[in-house]
Amino acid sequence: MTKKILIALLGFATITVTYSCSKLEEKVLDEASVVGLTNKQQAEGIIAPVYAKLEDVFLHTNYFALQEISTDEAILPYRGGTDWGDNGIYMQLHQHANISADANVRNTWNNIVTGISRSVTAINSLPSNPDPSSKLFLAEARGMRAYYNLLMLDLFGLAFVKEDASETSKILRGEAAIAYIKSELLAIEPVLDNTTGPGRLTKAAVWGLLARLHMNAAVYRDVYATSFTFKNEDMDAAIDYCNKIISSGQYNLAADYFSLFNDNNHTNKEIIFAVDQRADLNGHNRLAYFSISGDQFPLPAYTGSNGTDGPAITPDFYRTWVNAYAPLDPAGTDPRFYKQNLVQATGCVDAAAFNMNRRSHLICCSAKEDLSFTGKWLDVQI
């Protein structure tokens, strides 16, 4: 009996080895290679990931949280023990008591560094592409590397110099970092197109970034200084670059402030450089989702896409709006503060005509609400 079992097992092993050595013919179902793509399509595939990282940088809990929740304007409070606790990281952010393991700081850092890395990859790859568009894409990749470094300088006080993916980055700080970013932006400005925005870098976008760099240069030179000297030449340069944008004739202030934040704002003439958030371009627009209250449904077609009940204004910042327009209600005075779109009506509102009320800087309660209490946060949205 034992002998028969042994023979059977040997036979099975032989069959298994025979079939396992057979040549496998892979049938690719959902992959594609670059074979068959035009040179232009390949160039577009190289530059696309550089811009795509912007959406992650500006995820509501990354760059925006670091820039707003850490200030006296906003807080992300612990909602009664039911939401937004997150181990206290947003309270720590507001109190400037972050720990080394803070997820928002780490994720923001990683996303910006990844953006720099993708830019370097594009800079290394595009010169070998013969399509005429590669020259423009190369300039944009170089500009995006400068832009990601500008964000890094603004948040962490340093910039990375890296020309080849195989190299170790050189780290610059202070004046050296400012000079590097400025030189990169000035180098690409003549090459850039001024009609490809606002989702891509243009000449005007470079002018705006240079204006921002000069405006903040006094702080960037020494982020730990006890006082800052804003040089006349920096202020003059900022004015000059802003004037170049204005005199280009391509941009205008929007008649409706809140139109800047519409889901079709890619055609808004006030926007110079922004992350394109249209859904068909895979835009998540989490920043808008973050900024509305939980009972708000901005798109009738997506009734599950309500707000977060997340960030809130601080009473002191809210009071600055009230005091600025006293005795008038800022809701009826400042078009950036509040806009009433919904009206009392019987029956349903046509989806095409639907437009939610718009609030700026966490305004979600009545301006007449009693704010005399202390030790509480207004449950209002950014």
Foldseek 3Di string as FASTA:
>chain_A
DVVVVVVVVVVVVVVVVVVVPDDDDDDDDPDDDCVPPALVVVLCVLLVVLLVLVLQLVQPLAPVLLVPLCDQWKFWDCDVVPDDPPVVLRVCSVVVNHDPVRPRDVSNVVSLVVSLLSLLSSLVPLVVRPDPCSQQSNLQSLLSNLVSQVSCCVRPFWHWDDNHNVDDTDIDGAPVNLVVSLVSLVVSLVVADQPPDQATDHNLNSLQVLLVSLVCNQCRNPVPDPDTDNDPVSNVSSVVSVVVNVVVPQADDDPQPCCCVDLPNRPHRHRRYDNNQHVVVVHPPNNVLAFAAQVDDFAPVCNVSGHDLTMATALVNLVVQPVVDPPDQSCVPPSQAWDDQDDDDPDDDDRVSDGHIDGHSFDDDGSPDDPPDPPDTDSGGD
